[in-house]
Amino acid sequence: MGLDMPMDGYAVWILMFLLLAVTVVSKNETTLDGAALLLLGALYVGYGFGSMLQVRAFHEHGLFLSFLCFGCIWASDIGAYFIGKAIGRTKLWPAISPNKTIEGSLGGVLASIAVAAVFHFAAPEWIGLGHAVSIGLVAAVAGQFGDLIQSAYKRLRGVKDSGRLLPGHGGVLDRCDSWIIVFPLLVLTGLVPV
C-alpha cells in the first residue's frame, strides 16, 4: 500500500523540511515562527499565482475564464467601493477594515454576478448562466475575504503597506490579495476546471 500524495504535496513537504532545517543550521537565528511564516507566505502566493497559470494554460477556454474571473473580482471591488460610498452605513468588520460596509459588500457581490452574467451572454456555448453566476458569487465573497485577510495581516504587523513597490497602492499584495485567494478556490471547487 503506497502513499497517494500528489507531487505538489511532496514539494510542500520538502519546502517545510528545508525551512525547518534552516532553523537548526542557523542555530535558531531563523526561528520556528519565521520558518512557519515563510512557509505560509510561499503557499499563499505560490498556490495563488500557480492557480492563475493553471486556469490560463490548461483549459481550452483559459483566456476567457481568466478574464471572467478577473472581471468578477474587479467588479466586486468597484461595486463594493461605490455602493459602500453611496449607501454604506453598517460596518462590515471595523477592527480590520474600518471603511468597509455590509451594503458595499453586498453591492460588490451583485456587481460580480452581473459581470459573470455578461460573460455568459457573450459566450453561452462556453459557460452556462448558473455556472457563470456561481463563479461570480465565489469570486466576490472569496475576493472580499482575500482583501480582509491582507488587511488583518497588515494590522497585526502594524504596517500601512505590504511593500514599497507600488507606493500609494498598499504594495503588490494589496493589488492581488483577492486574486491569490479566488483562483485557487475556483480551481479546488471545480468551478473552473483545469
N, C-alpha and C. Protein backbone atom coordinates (compact mmCIF):
# COMPACT_ATOMS: atom_id res chain seq x y z
N MET A 1 0.85 -1.17 0.00
CA MET A 1 0.00 0.00 0.00
C MET A 1 0.89 1.23 0.00
N GLY A 2 0.80 2.03 -1.06
CA GLY A 2 1.66 3.21 -1.17
C GLY A 2 0.97 4.47 -0.69
N LEU A 3 1.76 5.49 -0.49
CA LEU A 3 1.25 6.80 -0.10
C LEU A 3 0.76 7.50 -1.35
N ASP A 4 -0.49 7.89 -1.35
CA ASP A 4 -1.08 8.53 -2.53
C ASP A 4 -1.14 10.04 -2.32
N MET A 5 0.00 10.69 -2.49
CA MET A 5 0.07 12.14 -2.33
C MET A 5 0.48 12.75 -3.67
N PRO A 6 -0.24 13.81 -4.10
CA PRO A 6 0.17 14.45 -5.35
C PRO A 6 1.56 15.06 -5.22
N MET A 7 2.22 15.23 -6.35
CA MET A 7 3.60 15.72 -6.34
C MET A 7 3.73 17.08 -5.67
N ASP A 8 2.73 17.96 -5.83
CA ASP A 8 2.85 19.26 -5.17
C ASP A 8 2.78 19.11 -3.66
N GLY A 9 2.14 18.05 -3.15
CA GLY A 9 2.15 17.77 -1.72
C GLY A 9 3.56 17.46 -1.24
N TYR A 10 4.31 16.72 -2.04
CA TYR A 10 5.71 16.43 -1.70
C TYR A 10 6.56 17.69 -1.77
N ALA A 11 6.28 18.55 -2.74
CA ALA A 11 7.03 19.80 -2.86
C ALA A 11 6.81 20.66 -1.62
N VAL A 12 5.59 20.71 -1.11
CA VAL A 12 5.30 21.47 0.11
C VAL A 12 6.05 20.85 1.28
N TRP A 13 6.05 19.51 1.35
CA TRP A 13 6.76 18.84 2.45
C TRP A 13 8.26 19.15 2.39
N ILE A 14 8.83 19.11 1.20
CA ILE A 14 10.26 19.41 1.04
C ILE A 14 10.56 20.84 1.46
N LEU A 15 9.69 21.78 1.04
CA LEU A 15 9.87 23.17 1.45
C LEU A 15 9.81 23.30 2.97
N MET A 16 8.84 22.63 3.59
CA MET A 16 8.73 22.66 5.05
C MET A 16 9.99 22.11 5.70
N PHE A 17 10.47 20.97 5.19
CA PHE A 17 11.68 20.36 5.75
C PHE A 17 12.88 21.31 5.64
N LEU A 18 13.05 21.93 4.46
CA LEU A 18 14.17 22.84 4.27
C LEU A 18 14.09 24.04 5.22
N LEU A 19 12.90 24.59 5.38
CA LEU A 19 12.75 25.73 6.29
C LEU A 19 13.03 25.32 7.73
N LEU A 20 12.56 24.14 8.12
CA LEU A 20 12.85 23.67 9.49
C LEU A 20 14.34 23.37 9.66
N ALA A 21 14.97 22.85 8.61
CA ALA A 21 16.41 22.58 8.67
C ALA A 21 17.20 23.87 8.84
N VAL A 22 16.73 24.94 8.21
CA VAL A 22 17.40 26.23 8.34
C VAL A 22 17.39 26.69 9.80
N THR A 23 16.31 26.40 10.52
CA THR A 23 16.27 26.80 11.94
C THR A 23 17.37 26.09 12.73
N VAL A 24 17.65 24.85 12.37
CA VAL A 24 18.70 24.09 13.06
C VAL A 24 20.08 24.59 12.64
N VAL A 25 20.31 24.68 11.32
CA VAL A 25 21.61 25.08 10.80
C VAL A 25 21.99 26.49 11.27
N SER A 26 21.00 27.38 11.34
CA SER A 26 21.29 28.75 11.76
C SER A 26 21.34 28.89 13.29
N LYS A 27 21.23 27.77 13.97
CA LYS A 27 21.23 27.75 15.45
C LYS A 27 20.16 28.71 15.99
N ASN A 28 18.96 28.57 15.43
CA ASN A 28 17.77 29.33 15.82
C ASN A 28 17.85 30.83 15.52
N GLU A 29 18.83 31.23 14.68
CA GLU A 29 18.80 32.61 14.21
C GLU A 29 17.56 32.82 13.34
N THR A 30 17.26 31.82 12.54
CA THR A 30 15.96 31.76 11.87
C THR A 30 15.07 30.97 12.81
N THR A 31 14.03 31.63 13.32
CA THR A 31 13.18 30.99 14.33
C THR A 31 12.16 30.08 13.68
N LEU A 32 11.57 29.25 14.49
CA LEU A 32 10.48 28.39 14.03
C LEU A 32 9.31 29.24 13.54
N ASP A 33 9.03 30.34 14.25
CA ASP A 33 7.97 31.24 13.81
C ASP A 33 8.29 31.85 12.44
N GLY A 34 9.56 32.22 12.24
CA GLY A 34 9.97 32.77 10.95
C GLY A 34 9.83 31.76 9.84
N ALA A 35 10.21 30.51 10.12
CA ALA A 35 10.09 29.44 9.12
C ALA A 35 8.62 29.19 8.79
N ALA A 36 7.78 29.19 9.82
CA ALA A 36 6.35 28.98 9.59
C ALA A 36 5.75 30.10 8.74
N LEU A 37 6.18 31.32 9.01
CA LEU A 37 5.69 32.47 8.25
C LEU A 37 6.15 32.39 6.78
N LEU A 38 7.38 31.96 6.57
CA LEU A 38 7.87 31.79 5.20
C LEU A 38 7.08 30.71 4.45
N LEU A 39 6.79 29.61 5.14
CA LEU A 39 6.03 28.53 4.52
C LEU A 39 4.62 29.00 4.18
N LEU A 40 3.98 29.69 5.11
CA LEU A 40 2.64 30.21 4.87
C LEU A 40 2.65 31.17 3.68
N GLY A 41 3.63 32.06 3.63
CA GLY A 41 3.73 33.01 2.52
C GLY A 41 3.96 32.31 1.19
N ALA A 42 4.80 31.29 1.21
CA ALA A 42 5.07 30.54 -0.04
C ALA A 42 3.80 29.85 -0.54
N LEU A 43 3.03 29.27 0.36
CA LEU A 43 1.78 28.61 -0.04
C LEU A 43 0.75 29.64 -0.52
N TYR A 44 0.62 30.71 0.23
CA TYR A 44 -0.35 31.77 -0.07
C TYR A 44 -0.11 32.35 -1.46
N VAL A 45 1.11 32.75 -1.73
CA VAL A 45 1.44 33.36 -3.01
C VAL A 45 1.62 32.29 -4.10
N GLY A 46 2.31 31.20 -3.77
CA GLY A 46 2.61 30.17 -4.76
C GLY A 46 1.37 29.51 -5.33
N TYR A 47 0.47 29.06 -4.46
CA TYR A 47 -0.75 28.43 -4.97
C TYR A 47 -1.65 29.44 -5.67
N GLY A 48 -1.64 30.68 -5.18
CA GLY A 48 -2.46 31.70 -5.82
C GLY A 48 -2.06 31.95 -7.26
N PHE A 49 -0.78 32.25 -7.47
CA PHE A 49 -0.32 32.52 -8.83
C PHE A 49 -0.26 31.24 -9.67
N GLY A 50 0.03 30.12 -9.03
CA GLY A 50 0.02 28.85 -9.75
C GLY A 50 -1.36 28.51 -10.29
N SER A 51 -2.39 28.81 -9.52
CA SER A 51 -3.76 28.55 -9.97
C SER A 51 -4.14 29.46 -11.13
N MET A 52 -3.66 30.70 -11.09
CA MET A 52 -3.92 31.60 -12.23
C MET A 52 -3.32 31.03 -13.51
N LEU A 53 -2.10 30.52 -13.39
CA LEU A 53 -1.43 29.92 -14.54
C LEU A 53 -2.19 28.69 -15.02
N GLN A 54 -2.65 27.86 -14.08
CA GLN A 54 -3.40 26.66 -14.46
C GLN A 54 -4.66 27.02 -15.25
N VAL A 55 -5.40 28.00 -14.76
CA VAL A 55 -6.64 28.39 -15.44
C VAL A 55 -6.34 28.85 -16.86
N ARG A 56 -5.31 29.67 -17.00
CA ARG A 56 -4.99 30.23 -18.32
C ARG A 56 -4.43 29.17 -19.27
N ALA A 57 -3.52 28.35 -18.78
CA ALA A 57 -2.75 27.48 -19.66
C ALA A 57 -3.37 26.11 -19.93
N PHE A 58 -4.14 25.60 -18.98
CA PHE A 58 -4.55 24.20 -19.09
C PHE A 58 -6.03 24.00 -19.35
N HIS A 59 -6.69 25.01 -19.83
CA HIS A 59 -8.11 24.87 -20.16
C HIS A 59 -8.33 25.37 -21.58
N GLU A 60 -9.21 24.71 -22.28
CA GLU A 60 -9.47 25.05 -23.68
C GLU A 60 -9.85 26.53 -23.84
N HIS A 61 -10.62 27.05 -22.91
CA HIS A 61 -11.04 28.46 -22.95
C HIS A 61 -10.41 29.23 -21.80
N GLY A 62 -9.13 28.96 -21.56
CA GLY A 62 -8.42 29.53 -20.42
C GLY A 62 -8.37 31.04 -20.39
N LEU A 63 -8.17 31.66 -21.55
CA LEU A 63 -8.12 33.12 -21.58
C LEU A 63 -9.48 33.70 -21.23
N PHE A 64 -10.53 33.13 -21.79
CA PHE A 64 -11.91 33.56 -21.50
C PHE A 64 -12.19 33.42 -20.00
N LEU A 65 -11.87 32.25 -19.43
CA LEU A 65 -12.13 32.03 -18.00
C LEU A 65 -11.29 32.94 -17.12
N SER A 66 -10.06 33.22 -17.54
CA SER A 66 -9.22 34.14 -16.77
C SER A 66 -9.84 35.54 -16.75
N PHE A 67 -10.30 36.01 -17.92
CA PHE A 67 -10.94 37.32 -17.97
C PHE A 67 -12.24 37.32 -17.15
N LEU A 68 -12.98 36.22 -17.20
CA LEU A 68 -14.20 36.11 -16.40
C LEU A 68 -13.87 36.26 -14.92
N CYS A 69 -12.88 35.53 -14.45
CA CYS A 69 -12.51 35.57 -13.02
C CYS A 69 -12.02 36.96 -12.63
N PHE A 70 -11.11 37.52 -13.41
CA PHE A 70 -10.61 38.86 -13.10
C PHE A 70 -11.74 39.89 -13.17
N GLY A 71 -12.60 39.77 -14.18
CA GLY A 71 -13.72 40.70 -14.30
C GLY A 71 -14.62 40.67 -13.08
N CYS A 72 -14.91 39.47 -12.58
CA CYS A 72 -15.75 39.33 -11.39
C CYS A 72 -15.06 39.93 -10.16
N ILE A 73 -13.77 39.67 -10.01
CA ILE A 73 -13.02 40.20 -8.86
C ILE A 73 -13.03 41.73 -8.91
N TRP A 74 -12.70 42.30 -10.07
CA TRP A 74 -12.63 43.75 -10.19
C TRP A 74 -14.01 44.38 -10.04
N ALA A 75 -15.05 43.74 -10.59
CA ALA A 75 -16.41 44.26 -10.44
C ALA A 75 -16.82 44.27 -8.97
N SER A 76 -16.43 43.23 -8.25
CA SER A 76 -16.74 43.18 -6.82
C SER A 76 -16.08 44.33 -6.08
N ASP A 77 -14.80 44.57 -6.38
CA ASP A 77 -14.09 45.69 -5.74
C ASP A 77 -14.75 47.02 -6.06
N ILE A 78 -15.04 47.24 -7.33
CA ILE A 78 -15.62 48.52 -7.77
C ILE A 78 -17.03 48.69 -7.20
N GLY A 79 -17.83 47.62 -7.31
CA GLY A 79 -19.20 47.69 -6.79
C GLY A 79 -19.22 47.93 -5.29
N ALA A 80 -18.35 47.25 -4.55
CA ALA A 80 -18.29 47.44 -3.10
C ALA A 80 -17.89 48.86 -2.75
N TYR A 81 -16.93 49.41 -3.49
CA TYR A 81 -16.47 50.77 -3.21
C TYR A 81 -17.59 51.78 -3.44
N PHE A 82 -18.19 51.75 -4.63
CA PHE A 82 -19.18 52.78 -4.97
C PHE A 82 -20.49 52.62 -4.20
N ILE A 83 -20.96 51.40 -4.04
CA ILE A 83 -22.19 51.19 -3.26
C ILE A 83 -21.93 51.53 -1.79
N GLY A 84 -20.77 51.15 -1.30
CA GLY A 84 -20.42 51.47 0.09
C GLY A 84 -20.35 52.97 0.31
N LYS A 85 -19.76 53.70 -0.63
CA LYS A 85 -19.69 55.17 -0.52
C LYS A 85 -21.08 55.79 -0.59
N ALA A 86 -21.94 55.26 -1.45
CA ALA A 86 -23.26 55.85 -1.69
C ALA A 86 -24.25 55.57 -0.55
N ILE A 87 -24.33 54.30 -0.13
CA ILE A 87 -25.37 53.95 0.85
C ILE A 87 -24.86 53.16 2.05
N GLY A 88 -23.55 52.95 2.12
CA GLY A 88 -22.99 52.14 3.20
C GLY A 88 -23.15 52.79 4.56
N ARG A 89 -23.74 52.07 5.48
CA ARG A 89 -23.91 52.56 6.85
C ARG A 89 -23.41 51.56 7.89
N THR A 90 -23.62 50.29 7.64
CA THR A 90 -23.31 49.24 8.61
C THR A 90 -21.90 48.72 8.37
N LYS A 91 -21.02 48.91 9.35
CA LYS A 91 -19.63 48.48 9.20
C LYS A 91 -19.55 46.96 9.09
N LEU A 92 -18.72 46.51 8.15
CA LEU A 92 -18.54 45.07 7.91
C LEU A 92 -17.65 44.44 8.97
N TRP A 93 -16.47 45.01 9.16
CA TRP A 93 -15.51 44.47 10.13
C TRP A 93 -14.58 45.60 10.55
N PRO A 94 -15.07 46.51 11.40
CA PRO A 94 -14.33 47.74 11.70
C PRO A 94 -12.95 47.53 12.32
N ALA A 95 -12.77 46.45 13.06
CA ALA A 95 -11.46 46.21 13.69
C ALA A 95 -10.39 45.90 12.65
N ILE A 96 -10.79 45.38 11.50
CA ILE A 96 -9.82 45.01 10.46
C ILE A 96 -9.79 46.05 9.35
N SER A 97 -10.94 46.45 8.88
CA SER A 97 -11.02 47.40 7.76
C SER A 97 -12.17 48.36 8.03
N PRO A 98 -11.88 49.49 8.68
CA PRO A 98 -12.95 50.37 9.18
C PRO A 98 -13.83 51.01 8.12
N ASN A 99 -13.41 51.08 6.88
CA ASN A 99 -14.21 51.74 5.84
C ASN A 99 -15.15 50.81 5.09
N LYS A 100 -15.01 49.52 5.26
CA LYS A 100 -15.85 48.58 4.52
C LYS A 100 -17.21 48.43 5.21
N THR A 101 -18.26 48.36 4.37
CA THR A 101 -19.61 48.23 4.91
C THR A 101 -20.29 46.98 4.36
N ILE A 102 -21.31 46.54 5.07
CA ILE A 102 -22.09 45.39 4.62
C ILE A 102 -22.81 45.73 3.31
N GLU A 103 -23.33 46.95 3.22
CA GLU A 103 -24.02 47.36 2.00
C GLU A 103 -23.05 47.35 0.82
N GLY A 104 -21.84 47.84 1.03
CA GLY A 104 -20.83 47.81 -0.01
C GLY A 104 -20.47 46.39 -0.41
N SER A 105 -20.35 45.53 0.58
CA SER A 105 -20.02 44.13 0.31
C SER A 105 -21.09 43.48 -0.55
N LEU A 106 -22.35 43.70 -0.21
CA LEU A 106 -23.45 43.14 -1.00
C LEU A 106 -23.48 43.75 -2.41
N GLY A 107 -23.18 45.04 -2.50
CA GLY A 107 -23.09 45.68 -3.82
C GLY A 107 -22.00 45.05 -4.66
N GLY A 108 -20.88 44.69 -4.02
CA GLY A 108 -19.80 44.02 -4.73
C GLY A 108 -20.22 42.66 -5.25
N VAL A 109 -20.97 41.93 -4.44
CA VAL A 109 -21.46 40.61 -4.86
C VAL A 109 -22.37 40.76 -6.08
N LEU A 110 -23.29 41.71 -6.02
CA LEU A 110 -24.22 41.92 -7.14
C LEU A 110 -23.48 42.35 -8.41
N ALA A 111 -22.50 43.22 -8.27
CA ALA A 111 -21.72 43.66 -9.43
C ALA A 111 -20.96 42.49 -10.05
N SER A 112 -20.39 41.64 -9.21
CA SER A 112 -19.65 40.47 -9.70
C SER A 112 -20.56 39.51 -10.44
N ILE A 113 -21.74 39.27 -9.88
CA ILE A 113 -22.70 38.37 -10.53
C ILE A 113 -23.16 38.96 -11.87
N ALA A 114 -23.36 40.28 -11.91
CA ALA A 114 -23.77 40.94 -13.16
C ALA A 114 -22.71 40.76 -14.24
N VAL A 115 -21.44 40.94 -13.87
CA VAL A 115 -20.35 40.76 -14.85
C VAL A 115 -20.29 39.30 -15.31
N ALA A 116 -20.48 38.37 -14.38
CA ALA A 116 -20.48 36.95 -14.74
C ALA A 116 -21.60 36.66 -15.74
N ALA A 117 -22.76 37.25 -15.53
CA ALA A 117 -23.89 37.06 -16.46
C ALA A 117 -23.55 37.61 -17.84
N VAL A 118 -22.87 38.75 -17.89
CA VAL A 118 -22.45 39.33 -19.18
C VAL A 118 -21.54 38.35 -19.92
N PHE A 119 -20.61 37.72 -19.20
CA PHE A 119 -19.72 36.73 -19.83
C PHE A 119 -20.52 35.55 -20.37
N HIS A 120 -21.55 35.12 -19.63
CA HIS A 120 -22.39 34.03 -20.12
C HIS A 120 -23.07 34.44 -21.43
N PHE A 121 -23.66 35.63 -21.44
CA PHE A 121 -24.38 36.06 -22.64
C PHE A 121 -23.44 36.32 -23.81
N ALA A 122 -22.18 36.63 -23.52
CA ALA A 122 -21.19 36.83 -24.58
C ALA A 122 -20.77 35.50 -25.22
N ALA A 123 -20.76 34.42 -24.41
CA ALA A 123 -20.34 33.11 -24.93
C ALA A 123 -21.14 32.00 -24.24
N PRO A 124 -22.45 31.91 -24.52
CA PRO A 124 -23.28 30.91 -23.84
C PRO A 124 -22.88 29.47 -24.15
N GLU A 125 -22.19 29.27 -25.29
CA GLU A 125 -21.75 27.91 -25.63
C GLU A 125 -20.56 27.48 -24.79
N TRP A 126 -19.88 28.42 -24.14
CA TRP A 126 -18.70 28.10 -23.33
C TRP A 126 -19.03 28.00 -21.84
N ILE A 127 -20.05 28.74 -21.40
CA ILE A 127 -20.37 28.71 -19.97
C ILE A 127 -21.86 28.99 -19.77
N GLY A 128 -22.49 28.12 -18.96
CA GLY A 128 -23.90 28.28 -18.66
C GLY A 128 -24.12 29.42 -17.66
N LEU A 129 -25.35 29.92 -17.62
CA LEU A 129 -25.65 31.04 -16.73
C LEU A 129 -25.43 30.67 -15.27
N GLY A 130 -25.92 29.52 -14.85
CA GLY A 130 -25.74 29.10 -13.45
C GLY A 130 -24.28 28.95 -13.08
N HIS A 131 -23.51 28.41 -13.99
CA HIS A 131 -22.08 28.23 -13.76
C HIS A 131 -21.38 29.58 -13.64
N ALA A 132 -21.71 30.50 -14.56
CA ALA A 132 -21.11 31.84 -14.53
C ALA A 132 -21.48 32.57 -13.25
N VAL A 133 -22.75 32.51 -12.86
CA VAL A 133 -23.20 33.18 -11.64
C VAL A 133 -22.51 32.58 -10.41
N SER A 134 -22.31 31.27 -10.41
CA SER A 134 -21.59 30.63 -9.29
C SER A 134 -20.16 31.16 -9.19
N ILE A 135 -19.51 31.29 -10.34
CA ILE A 135 -18.15 31.85 -10.36
C ILE A 135 -18.17 33.28 -9.83
N GLY A 136 -19.15 34.08 -10.27
CA GLY A 136 -19.26 35.45 -9.81
C GLY A 136 -19.48 35.55 -8.31
N LEU A 137 -20.32 34.68 -7.77
CA LEU A 137 -20.59 34.69 -6.33
C LEU A 137 -19.35 34.30 -5.54
N VAL A 138 -18.70 33.21 -5.94
CA VAL A 138 -17.50 32.76 -5.23
C VAL A 138 -16.38 33.79 -5.35
N ALA A 139 -16.22 34.36 -6.54
CA ALA A 139 -15.16 35.36 -6.75
C ALA A 139 -15.38 36.57 -5.85
N ALA A 140 -16.62 37.01 -5.72
CA ALA A 140 -16.91 38.18 -4.89
C ALA A 140 -16.67 37.90 -3.42
N VAL A 141 -17.23 36.81 -2.92
CA VAL A 141 -17.11 36.51 -1.49
C VAL A 141 -15.67 36.19 -1.12
N ALA A 142 -15.04 35.31 -1.89
CA ALA A 142 -13.65 34.94 -1.60
C ALA A 142 -12.71 36.12 -1.80
N GLY A 143 -12.97 36.94 -2.83
CA GLY A 143 -12.14 38.11 -3.07
C GLY A 143 -12.21 39.10 -1.92
N GLN A 144 -13.40 39.30 -1.38
CA GLN A 144 -13.54 40.19 -0.23
C GLN A 144 -12.84 39.62 0.99
N PHE A 145 -12.90 38.30 1.16
CA PHE A 145 -12.13 37.68 2.25
C PHE A 145 -10.64 37.86 2.04
N GLY A 146 -10.19 37.72 0.78
CA GLY A 146 -8.77 37.93 0.49
C GLY A 146 -8.32 39.32 0.88
N ASP A 147 -9.15 40.30 0.60
CA ASP A 147 -8.84 41.68 0.96
C ASP A 147 -8.80 41.84 2.48
N LEU A 148 -9.75 41.23 3.18
CA LEU A 148 -9.78 41.31 4.64
C LEU A 148 -8.59 40.58 5.27
N ILE A 149 -8.19 39.46 4.67
CA ILE A 149 -7.03 38.72 5.17
C ILE A 149 -5.79 39.60 5.10
N GLN A 150 -5.60 40.29 3.96
CA GLN A 150 -4.45 41.16 3.80
C GLN A 150 -4.51 42.33 4.79
N SER A 151 -5.70 42.90 4.98
CA SER A 151 -5.87 44.00 5.94
C SER A 151 -5.56 43.53 7.37
N ALA A 152 -6.03 42.34 7.71
CA ALA A 152 -5.77 41.80 9.05
C ALA A 152 -4.28 41.58 9.27
N TYR A 153 -3.60 41.06 8.25
CA TYR A 153 -2.16 40.83 8.34
C TYR A 153 -1.41 42.14 8.57
N LYS A 154 -1.79 43.17 7.79
CA LYS A 154 -1.10 44.46 7.94
C LYS A 154 -1.37 45.07 9.32
N ARG A 155 -2.59 44.93 9.82
CA ARG A 155 -2.88 45.45 11.16
C ARG A 155 -2.08 44.70 12.22
N LEU A 156 -2.00 43.38 12.07
CA LEU A 156 -1.23 42.57 13.01
C LEU A 156 0.24 42.99 13.03
N ARG A 157 0.78 43.29 11.86
CA ARG A 157 2.19 43.68 11.73
C ARG A 157 2.42 45.18 11.96
N GLY A 158 1.32 45.94 12.05
CA GLY A 158 1.45 47.37 12.29
C GLY A 158 2.04 48.14 11.12
N VAL A 159 1.71 47.70 9.90
CA VAL A 159 2.21 48.39 8.70
C VAL A 159 1.04 48.88 7.86
N LYS A 160 1.27 49.97 7.13
CA LYS A 160 0.23 50.52 6.26
C LYS A 160 0.23 49.83 4.91
N ASP A 161 1.42 49.50 4.40
CA ASP A 161 1.55 48.89 3.08
C ASP A 161 2.26 47.55 3.20
N SER A 162 1.93 46.62 2.30
CA SER A 162 2.58 45.31 2.31
C SER A 162 3.93 45.35 1.59
N GLY A 163 4.25 46.46 0.97
CA GLY A 163 5.53 46.59 0.28
C GLY A 163 5.71 48.00 -0.24
N ARG A 164 6.87 48.27 -0.83
CA ARG A 164 7.18 49.60 -1.33
C ARG A 164 7.15 49.70 -2.85
N LEU A 165 6.88 48.59 -3.52
CA LEU A 165 6.97 48.57 -4.98
C LEU A 165 5.90 49.43 -5.65
N LEU A 166 4.71 49.49 -5.07
CA LEU A 166 3.61 50.29 -5.64
C LEU A 166 3.17 51.33 -4.61
N PRO A 167 3.90 52.42 -4.48
CA PRO A 167 3.54 53.42 -3.47
C PRO A 167 2.14 53.98 -3.70
N GLY A 168 1.39 54.15 -2.62
CA GLY A 168 0.03 54.66 -2.73
C GLY A 168 -1.01 53.60 -3.02
N HIS A 169 -0.56 52.38 -3.31
CA HIS A 169 -1.49 51.28 -3.59
C HIS A 169 -1.43 50.18 -2.54
N GLY A 170 -0.63 50.38 -1.50
CA GLY A 170 -0.56 49.39 -0.43
C GLY A 170 0.41 48.26 -0.68
N GLY A 171 1.14 48.29 -1.78
CA GLY A 171 2.07 47.22 -2.10
C GLY A 171 1.49 46.24 -3.08
N VAL A 172 2.34 45.36 -3.60
CA VAL A 172 1.91 44.40 -4.62
C VAL A 172 0.84 43.46 -4.08
N LEU A 173 0.99 42.97 -2.86
CA LEU A 173 0.00 42.05 -2.31
C LEU A 173 -1.38 42.70 -2.18
N ASP A 174 -1.43 44.00 -1.95
CA ASP A 174 -2.73 44.68 -1.89
C ASP A 174 -3.40 44.72 -3.26
N ARG A 175 -2.63 44.72 -4.31
CA ARG A 175 -3.21 44.74 -5.66
C ARG A 175 -3.73 43.37 -6.07
N CYS A 176 -3.16 42.32 -5.49
CA CYS A 176 -3.58 40.98 -5.94
C CYS A 176 -4.05 40.10 -4.78
N ASP A 177 -4.39 40.69 -3.61
CA ASP A 177 -4.81 39.89 -2.47
C ASP A 177 -6.08 39.09 -2.75
N SER A 178 -6.96 39.62 -3.59
CA SER A 178 -8.17 38.87 -3.94
C SER A 178 -7.85 37.74 -4.92
N TRP A 179 -6.99 38.03 -5.88
CA TRP A 179 -6.67 37.04 -6.92
C TRP A 179 -6.14 35.76 -6.32
N ILE A 180 -5.20 35.90 -5.37
CA ILE A 180 -4.49 34.72 -4.86
C ILE A 180 -5.33 33.91 -3.88
N ILE A 181 -6.53 34.40 -3.57
CA ILE A 181 -7.49 33.60 -2.83
C ILE A 181 -8.54 33.03 -3.78
N VAL A 182 -9.01 33.84 -4.72
CA VAL A 182 -10.11 33.44 -5.60
C VAL A 182 -9.71 32.31 -6.54
N PHE A 183 -8.59 32.45 -7.25
CA PHE A 183 -8.23 31.45 -8.26
C PHE A 183 -8.06 30.05 -7.67
N PRO A 184 -7.30 29.87 -6.57
CA PRO A 184 -7.20 28.51 -6.03
C PRO A 184 -8.55 27.95 -5.59
N LEU A 185 -9.40 28.81 -5.02
CA LEU A 185 -10.70 28.34 -4.57
C LEU A 185 -11.59 27.91 -5.75
N LEU A 186 -11.54 28.67 -6.84
CA LEU A 186 -12.32 28.28 -8.02
C LEU A 186 -11.82 26.99 -8.63
N VAL A 187 -10.49 26.77 -8.59
CA VAL A 187 -9.92 25.52 -9.10
C VAL A 187 -10.28 24.36 -8.17
N LEU A 188 -10.12 24.56 -6.86
CA LEU A 188 -10.40 23.48 -5.90
C LEU A 188 -11.87 23.07 -5.90
N THR A 189 -12.78 24.02 -6.09
CA THR A 189 -14.20 23.69 -6.11
C THR A 189 -14.65 23.10 -7.44
N GLY A 190 -13.76 23.18 -8.45
CA GLY A 190 -14.13 22.66 -9.77
C GLY A 190 -14.95 23.62 -10.59
N LEU A 191 -15.21 24.83 -10.06
CA LEU A 191 -15.97 25.81 -10.84
C LEU A 191 -15.19 26.24 -12.09
N VAL A 192 -13.87 26.26 -11.96
CA VAL A 192 -13.01 26.50 -13.13
C VAL A 192 -12.12 25.27 -13.26
N PRO A 193 -12.55 24.33 -14.11
CA PRO A 193 -11.77 23.09 -14.25
C PRO A 193 -10.47 23.32 -15.00
N VAL A 194 -9.44 22.64 -14.56
CA VAL A 194 -8.14 22.73 -15.24
C VAL A 194 -7.67 21.34 -15.63
